[in-house]
């Protein structure tokens, strides 16, 4: 089964969050969202907004492209 772009983004975010060992609460504080709202995003219930990805990337000190998979034409 082929993953959708939002699914790929969520997988990339989850991988970086695990790599850095940050909590959902910490992410929520950085983004101004509640822990349940972060859970919904990390589990694919709600798609990430580009503005959220940009703020999260800045907080994690990684380029936002880390969350954006390369899409073949």
PDB file of N, CA and C in Angstrom:
ATOM      1  N   UNK A   1       0.832  -1.178   0.000  1.00  0.00           N
ATOM      2  CA  UNK A   1       0.000   0.000   0.000  1.00  0.00           C
ATOM      3  C   UNK A   1       0.880   1.247   0.000  1.00  0.00           C
ATOM      4  N   UNK A   2       0.562   2.185  -0.843  1.00  0.00           N
ATOM      5  CA  UNK A   2       1.322   3.425  -0.948  1.00  0.00           C
ATOM      6  C   UNK A   2       0.882   4.402   0.129  1.00  0.00           C
ATOM      7  N   UNK A   3       1.853   5.021   0.783  1.00  0.00           N
ATOM      8  CA  UNK A   3       1.539   5.997   1.818  1.00  0.00           C
ATOM      9  C   UNK A   3       1.234   7.343   1.179  1.00  0.00           C
ATOM     10  N   UNK A   4       0.313   8.077   1.797  1.00  0.00           N
ATOM     11  CA  UNK A   4      -0.004   9.417   1.338  1.00  0.00           C
ATOM     12  C   UNK A   4       1.081  10.381   1.813  1.00  0.00           C
ATOM     13  N   UNK A   5       1.107  11.553   1.230  1.00  0.00           N
ATOM     14  CA  UNK A   5       2.073  12.562   1.650  1.00  0.00           C
ATOM     15  C   UNK A   5       1.900  12.917   3.129  1.00  0.00           C
ATOM     16  N   UNK A   6       0.665  13.152   3.618  1.00  0.00           N
ATOM     17  CA  UNK A   6       0.526  13.427   5.055  1.00  0.00           C
ATOM     18  C   UNK A   6       1.031  12.283   5.941  1.00  0.00           C
ATOM     19  N   UNK A   7       0.850  11.051   5.515  1.00  0.00           N
ATOM     20  CA  UNK A   7       1.364   9.913   6.286  1.00  0.00           C
ATOM     21  C   UNK A   7       2.886   9.925   6.312  1.00  0.00           C
ATOM     22  N   UNK A   8       3.502  10.230   5.193  1.00  0.00           N
ATOM     23  CA  UNK A   8       4.967  10.296   5.134  1.00  0.00           C
ATOM     24  C   UNK A   8       5.501  11.401   6.035  1.00  0.00           C
ATOM     25  N   UNK A   9       4.820  12.543   6.041  1.00  0.00           N
ATOM     26  CA  UNK A   9       5.231  13.658   6.897  1.00  0.00           C
ATOM     27  C   UNK A   9       5.137  13.237   8.361  1.00  0.00           C
ATOM     28  N   UNK A  10       4.039  12.617   8.734  1.00  0.00           N
ATOM     29  CA  UNK A  10       3.849  12.178  10.117  1.00  0.00           C
ATOM     30  C   UNK A  10       4.930  11.182  10.533  1.00  0.00           C
ATOM     31  N   UNK A  11       5.259  10.256   9.665  1.00  0.00           N
ATOM     32  CA  UNK A  11       6.312   9.276   9.960  1.00  0.00           C
ATOM     33  C   UNK A  11       7.647   9.977  10.174  1.00  0.00           C
ATOM     34  N   UNK A  12       7.945  10.967   9.342  1.00  0.00           N
ATOM     35  CA  UNK A  12       9.207  11.705   9.470  1.00  0.00           C
ATOM     36  C   UNK A  12       9.249  12.502  10.764  1.00  0.00           C
ATOM     37  N   UNK A  13       8.136  13.130  11.116  1.00  0.00           N
ATOM     38  CA  UNK A  13       8.079  13.891  12.371  1.00  0.00           C
ATOM     39  C   UNK A  13       8.269  12.948  13.554  1.00  0.00           C
ATOM     40  N   UNK A  14       7.553  11.836  13.548  1.00  0.00           N
ATOM     41  CA  UNK A  14       7.670  10.883  14.660  1.00  0.00           C
ATOM     42  C   UNK A  14       9.105  10.369  14.805  1.00  0.00           C
ATOM     43  N   UNK A  15       9.762  10.110  13.700  1.00  0.00           N
ATOM     44  CA  UNK A  15      11.142   9.616  13.754  1.00  0.00           C
ATOM     45  C   UNK A  15      12.069  10.650  14.388  1.00  0.00           C
ATOM     46  N   UNK A  16      11.913  11.906  14.007  1.00  0.00           N
ATOM     47  CA  UNK A  16      12.786  12.948  14.563  1.00  0.00           C
ATOM     48  C   UNK A  16      12.470  13.196  16.038  1.00  0.00           C
ATOM     49  N   UNK A  17      11.207  13.170  16.389  1.00  0.00           N
ATOM     50  CA  UNK A  17      10.809  13.338  17.789  1.00  0.00           C
ATOM     51  C   UNK A  17      11.417  12.224  18.647  1.00  0.00           C
ATOM     52  N   UNK A  18      11.349  10.995  18.150  1.00  0.00           N
ATOM     53  CA  UNK A  18      11.963   9.864  18.878  1.00  0.00           C
ATOM     54  C   UNK A  18      13.470  10.041  18.959  1.00  0.00           C
ATOM     55  N   UNK A  19      14.082  10.428  17.848  1.00  0.00           N
ATOM     56  CA  UNK A  19      15.538  10.585  17.817  1.00  0.00           C
ATOM     57  C   UNK A  19      15.999  11.600  18.859  1.00  0.00           C
ATOM     58  N   UNK A  20      15.249  12.684  18.982  1.00  0.00           N
ATOM     59  CA  UNK A  20      15.647  13.734  19.918  1.00  0.00           C
ATOM     60  C   UNK A  20      15.122  13.501  21.334  1.00  0.00           C
ATOM     61  N   UNK A  21      14.206  12.559  21.493  1.00  0.00           N
ATOM     62  CA  UNK A  21      13.706  12.222  22.817  1.00  0.00           C
ATOM     63  C   UNK A  21      12.836  13.282  23.472  1.00  0.00           C
ATOM     64  N   UNK A  22      12.130  14.059  22.666  1.00  0.00           N
ATOM     65  CA  UNK A  22      11.266  15.085  23.232  1.00  0.00           C
ATOM     66  C   UNK A  22       9.865  14.521  23.479  1.00  0.00           C
ATOM     67  N   UNK A  23       9.150  15.141  24.388  1.00  0.00           N
ATOM     68  CA  UNK A  23       7.822  14.664  24.752  1.00  0.00           C
ATOM     69  C   UNK A  23       6.739  15.401  23.967  1.00  0.00           C
ATOM     70  N   UNK A  24       5.558  14.797  23.963  1.00  0.00           N
ATOM     71  CA  UNK A  24       4.410  15.453  23.333  1.00  0.00           C
ATOM     72  C   UNK A  24       4.101  16.764  24.052  1.00  0.00           C
ATOM     73  N   UNK A  25       4.266  16.767  25.341  1.00  0.00           N
ATOM     74  CA  UNK A  25       4.029  17.998  26.113  1.00  0.00           C
ATOM     75  C   UNK A  25       4.983  19.102  25.665  1.00  0.00           C
ATOM     76  N   UNK A  26       6.261  18.768  25.500  1.00  0.00           N
ATOM     77  CA  UNK A  26       7.251  19.752  25.060  1.00  0.00           C
ATOM     78  C   UNK A  26       6.884  20.284  23.677  1.00  0.00           C
ATOM     79  N   UNK A  27       6.521  19.388  22.770  1.00  0.00           N
ATOM     80  CA  UNK A  27       6.130  19.815  21.423  1.00  0.00           C
ATOM     81  C   UNK A  27       4.944  20.766  21.513  1.00  0.00           C
ATOM     82  N   UNK A  28       3.956  20.396  22.331  1.00  0.00           N
ATOM     83  CA  UNK A  28       2.787  21.251  22.506  1.00  0.00           C
ATOM     84  C   UNK A  28       3.146  22.638  22.998  1.00  0.00           C
ATOM     85  N   UNK A  29       4.077  22.705  23.930  1.00  0.00           N
ATOM     86  CA  UNK A  29       4.530  24.003  24.442  1.00  0.00           C
ATOM     87  C   UNK A  29       5.176  24.827  23.338  1.00  0.00           C
ATOM     88  N   UNK A  30       5.941  24.184  22.487  1.00  0.00           N
ATOM     89  CA  UNK A  30       6.614  24.895  21.401  1.00  0.00           C
ATOM     90  C   UNK A  30       5.618  25.407  20.361  1.00  0.00           C
ATOM     91  N   UNK A  31       4.551  24.647  20.153  1.00  0.00           N
ATOM     92  CA  UNK A  31       3.594  24.976  19.093  1.00  0.00           C
ATOM     93  C   UNK A  31       2.337  25.675  19.599  1.00  0.00           C
ATOM     94  N   UNK A  32       2.193  25.784  20.909  1.00  0.00           N
ATOM     95  CA  UNK A  32       0.987  26.396  21.460  1.00  0.00           C
ATOM     96  C   UNK A  32      -0.232  25.504  21.318  1.00  0.00           C
ATOM     97  N   UNK A  33      -0.004  24.191  21.368  1.00  0.00           N
ATOM     98  CA  UNK A  33      -1.079  23.209  21.260  1.00  0.00           C
ATOM     99  C   UNK A  33      -1.082  22.327  22.499  1.00  0.00           C
ATOM    100  N   UNK A  34      -2.216  21.686  22.759  1.00  0.00           N
ATOM    101  CA  UNK A  34      -2.304  20.778  23.901  1.00  0.00           C
ATOM    102  C   UNK A  34      -1.647  19.440  23.568  1.00  0.00           C
ATOM    103  N   UNK A  35      -1.327  18.679  24.604  1.00  0.00           N
ATOM    104  CA  UNK A  35      -0.752  17.352  24.384  1.00  0.00           C
ATOM    105  C   UNK A  35      -1.695  16.476  23.570  1.00  0.00           C
ATOM    106  N   UNK A  36      -3.016  16.485  23.842  1.00  0.00           N
ATOM    107  CA  UNK A  36      -3.898  15.678  22.992  1.00  0.00           C
ATOM    108  C   UNK A  36      -3.884  16.101  21.518  1.00  0.00           C
ATOM    109  N   UNK A  37      -3.749  17.390  21.256  1.00  0.00           N
ATOM    110  CA  UNK A  37      -3.661  17.851  19.863  1.00  0.00           C
ATOM    111  C   UNK A  37      -2.378  17.344  19.203  1.00  0.00           C
ATOM    112  N   UNK A  38      -1.293  17.287  19.945  1.00  0.00           N
ATOM    113  CA  UNK A  38      -0.037  16.753  19.413  1.00  0.00           C
ATOM    114  C   UNK A  38      -0.190  15.256  19.159  1.00  0.00           C
ATOM    115  N   UNK A  39      -0.821  14.539  20.092  1.00  0.00           N
ATOM    116  CA  UNK A  39      -1.047  13.103  19.905  1.00  0.00           C
ATOM    117  C   UNK A  39      -1.804  12.860  18.606  1.00  0.00           C
ATOM    118  N   UNK A  40      -2.836  13.632  18.364  1.00  0.00           N
ATOM    119  CA  UNK A  40      -3.633  13.456  17.142  1.00  0.00           C
ATOM    120  C   UNK A  40      -2.780  13.630  15.893  1.00  0.00           C
ATOM    121  N   UNK A  41      -1.861  14.569  15.918  1.00  0.00           N
ATOM    122  CA  UNK A  41      -0.982  14.796  14.761  1.00  0.00           C
ATOM    123  C   UNK A  41       0.039  13.664  14.628  1.00  0.00           C
ATOM    124  N   UNK A  42       0.615  13.247  15.744  1.00  0.00           N
ATOM    125  CA  UNK A  42       1.631  12.196  15.697  1.00  0.00           C
ATOM    126  C   UNK A  42       1.058  10.832  15.328  1.00  0.00           C
ATOM    127  N   UNK A  43      -0.245  10.683  15.453  1.00  0.00           N
ATOM    128  CA  UNK A  43      -0.897   9.420  15.105  1.00  0.00           C
ATOM    129  C   UNK A  43      -1.748   9.526  13.848  1.00  0.00           C
ATOM    130  N   UNK A  44      -1.584  10.612  13.105  1.00  0.00           N
ATOM    131  CA  UNK A  44      -2.241  10.742  11.821  1.00  0.00           C
ATOM    132  C   UNK A  44      -3.726  11.046  11.872  1.00  0.00           C
ATOM    133  N   UNK A  45      -4.239  11.400  13.037  1.00  0.00           N
ATOM    134  CA  UNK A  45      -5.655  11.740  13.147  1.00  0.00           C
ATOM    135  C   UNK A  45      -5.940  13.108  12.533  1.00  0.00           C
ATOM    136  N   UNK A  46      -4.977  14.013  12.665  1.00  0.00           N
ATOM    137  CA  UNK A  46      -5.063  15.364  12.104  1.00  0.00           C
ATOM    138  C   UNK A  46      -3.765  15.618  11.339  1.00  0.00           C
ATOM    139  N   UNK A  47      -3.883  16.199  10.149  1.00  0.00           N
ATOM    140  CA  UNK A  47      -2.693  16.497   9.350  1.00  0.00           C
ATOM    141  C   UNK A  47      -1.952  17.703   9.930  1.00  0.00           C
ATOM    142  N   UNK A  48      -0.640  17.661   9.791  1.00  0.00           N
ATOM    143  CA  UNK A  48       0.203  18.773  10.215  1.00  0.00           C
ATOM    144  C   UNK A  48      -0.006  19.955   9.276  1.00  0.00           C
ATOM    145  N   UNK A  49      -0.041  21.150   9.828  1.00  0.00           N
ATOM    146  CA  UNK A  49      -0.046  22.378   9.033  1.00  0.00           C
ATOM    147  C   UNK A  49       1.406  22.742   8.762  1.00  0.00           C
ATOM    148  N   UNK A  50       1.622  23.387   7.633  1.00  0.00           N
ATOM    149  CA  UNK A  50       2.992  23.779   7.287  1.00  0.00           C
ATOM    150  C   UNK A  50       3.573  24.703   8.357  1.00  0.00           C
ATOM    151  N   UNK A  51       2.770  25.610   8.884  1.00  0.00           N
ATOM    152  CA  UNK A  51       3.260  26.529   9.924  1.00  0.00           C
ATOM    153  C   UNK A  51       3.693  25.763  11.176  1.00  0.00           C
ATOM    154  N   UNK A  52       2.988  24.684  11.503  1.00  0.00           N
ATOM    155  CA  UNK A  52       3.371  23.862  12.658  1.00  0.00           C
ATOM    156  C   UNK A  52       4.687  23.149  12.392  1.00  0.00           C
ATOM    157  N   UNK A  53       4.839  22.639  11.178  1.00  0.00           N
ATOM    158  CA  UNK A  53       6.093  21.965  10.828  1.00  0.00           C
ATOM    159  C   UNK A  53       7.263  22.931  10.882  1.00  0.00           C
ATOM    160  N   UNK A  54       7.050  24.162  10.428  1.00  0.00           N
ATOM    161  CA  UNK A  54       8.116  25.164  10.461  1.00  0.00           C
ATOM    162  C   UNK A  54       8.518  25.486  11.894  1.00  0.00           C
ATOM    163  N   UNK A  55       7.538  25.663  12.771  1.00  0.00           N
ATOM    164  CA  UNK A  55       7.842  25.969  14.180  1.00  0.00           C
ATOM    165  C   UNK A  55       8.494  24.777  14.875  1.00  0.00           C
ATOM    166  N   UNK A  56       8.019  23.581  14.566  1.00  0.00           N
ATOM    167  CA  UNK A  56       8.607  22.387  15.174  1.00  0.00           C
ATOM    168  C   UNK A  56      10.051  22.201  14.715  1.00  0.00           C
ATOM    169  N   UNK A  57      10.288  22.393  13.442  1.00  0.00           N
ATOM    170  CA  UNK A  57      11.656  22.269  12.920  1.00  0.00           C
ATOM    171  C   UNK A  57      12.592  23.268  13.609  1.00  0.00           C
ATOM    172  N   UNK A  58      12.121  24.497  13.783  1.00  0.00           N
ATOM    173  CA  UNK A  58      12.947  25.514  14.453  1.00  0.00           C
ATOM    174  C   UNK A  58      13.229  25.101  15.896  1.00  0.00           C
ATOM    175  N   UNK A  59      12.214  24.596  16.589  1.00  0.00           N
ATOM    176  CA  UNK A  59      12.394  24.178  17.984  1.00  0.00           C
ATOM    177  C   UNK A  59      13.359  22.999  18.101  1.00  0.00           C
ATOM    178  N   UNK A  60      13.303  22.098  17.127  1.00  0.00           N
ATOM    179  CA  UNK A  60      14.186  20.921  17.134  1.00  0.00           C
ATOM    180  C   UNK A  60      15.544  21.206  16.494  1.00  0.00           C
ATOM    181  N   UNK A  61      15.680  22.396  15.934  1.00  0.00           N
ATOM    182  CA  UNK A  61      16.910  22.829  15.268  1.00  0.00           C
ATOM    183  C   UNK A  61      17.280  21.912  14.110  1.00  0.00           C
ATOM    184  N   UNK A  62      16.277  21.636  13.277  1.00  0.00           N
ATOM    185  CA  UNK A  62      16.487  20.871  12.050  1.00  0.00           C
ATOM    186  C   UNK A  62      15.819  21.634  10.906  1.00  0.00           C
ATOM    187  N   UNK A  63      16.246  21.410   9.677  1.00  0.00           N
ATOM    188  CA  UNK A  63      15.547  22.055   8.562  1.00  0.00           C
ATOM    189  C   UNK A  63      14.160  21.451   8.395  1.00  0.00           C
ATOM    190  N   UNK A  64      13.205  22.283   8.014  1.00  0.00           N
ATOM    191  CA  UNK A  64      11.836  21.791   7.826  1.00  0.00           C
ATOM    192  C   UNK A  64      11.780  20.706   6.761  1.00  0.00           C
ATOM    193  N   UNK A  65      12.732  20.707   5.840  1.00  0.00           N
ATOM    194  CA  UNK A  65      12.769  19.681   4.801  1.00  0.00           C
ATOM    195  C   UNK A  65      12.973  18.282   5.374  1.00  0.00           C
ATOM    196  N   UNK A  66      13.431  18.205   6.612  1.00  0.00           N
ATOM    197  CA  UNK A  66      13.589  16.908   7.285  1.00  0.00           C
ATOM    198  C   UNK A  66      12.245  16.187   7.384  1.00  0.00           C
ATOM    199  N   UNK A  67      11.155  16.965   7.406  1.00  0.00           N
ATOM    200  CA  UNK A  67       9.814  16.402   7.529  1.00  0.00           C
ATOM    201  C   UNK A  67       9.104  16.222   6.190  1.00  0.00           C
ATOM    202  N   UNK A  68       9.708  16.730   5.133  1.00  0.00           N
ATOM    203  CA  UNK A  68       9.059  16.724   3.820  1.00  0.00           C
ATOM    204  C   UNK A  68       9.750  15.732   2.903  1.00  0.00           C
ATOM    205  N   UNK A  69       9.092  14.626   2.625  1.00  0.00           N
ATOM    206  CA  UNK A  69       9.719  13.607   1.785  1.00  0.00           C
ATOM    207  C   UNK A  69       9.892  14.089   0.352  1.00  0.00           C
ATOM    208  N   UNK A  70      10.894  13.575  -0.279  1.00  0.00           N
ATOM    209  CA  UNK A  70      11.104  13.856  -1.704  1.00  0.00           C
ATOM    210  C   UNK A  70      10.035  13.109  -2.482  1.00  0.00           C
ATOM    211  N   UNK A  71       9.347  13.821  -3.338  1.00  0.00           N
ATOM    212  CA  UNK A  71       8.289  13.231  -4.131  1.00  0.00           C
ATOM    213  C   UNK A  71       8.759  13.151  -5.572  1.00  0.00           C
ATOM    214  N   UNK A  72       8.803  11.954  -6.103  1.00  0.00           N
ATOM    215  CA  UNK A  72       9.241  11.772  -7.502  1.00  0.00           C
ATOM    216  C   UNK A  72       8.153  12.281  -8.438  1.00  0.00           C
ATOM    217  N   UNK A  73       8.589  12.883  -9.527  1.00  0.00           N
ATOM    218  CA  UNK A  73       7.622  13.413 -10.501  1.00  0.00           C
ATOM    219  C   UNK A  73       7.056  12.297 -11.359  1.00  0.00           C
TER     220      UNK A  73
END
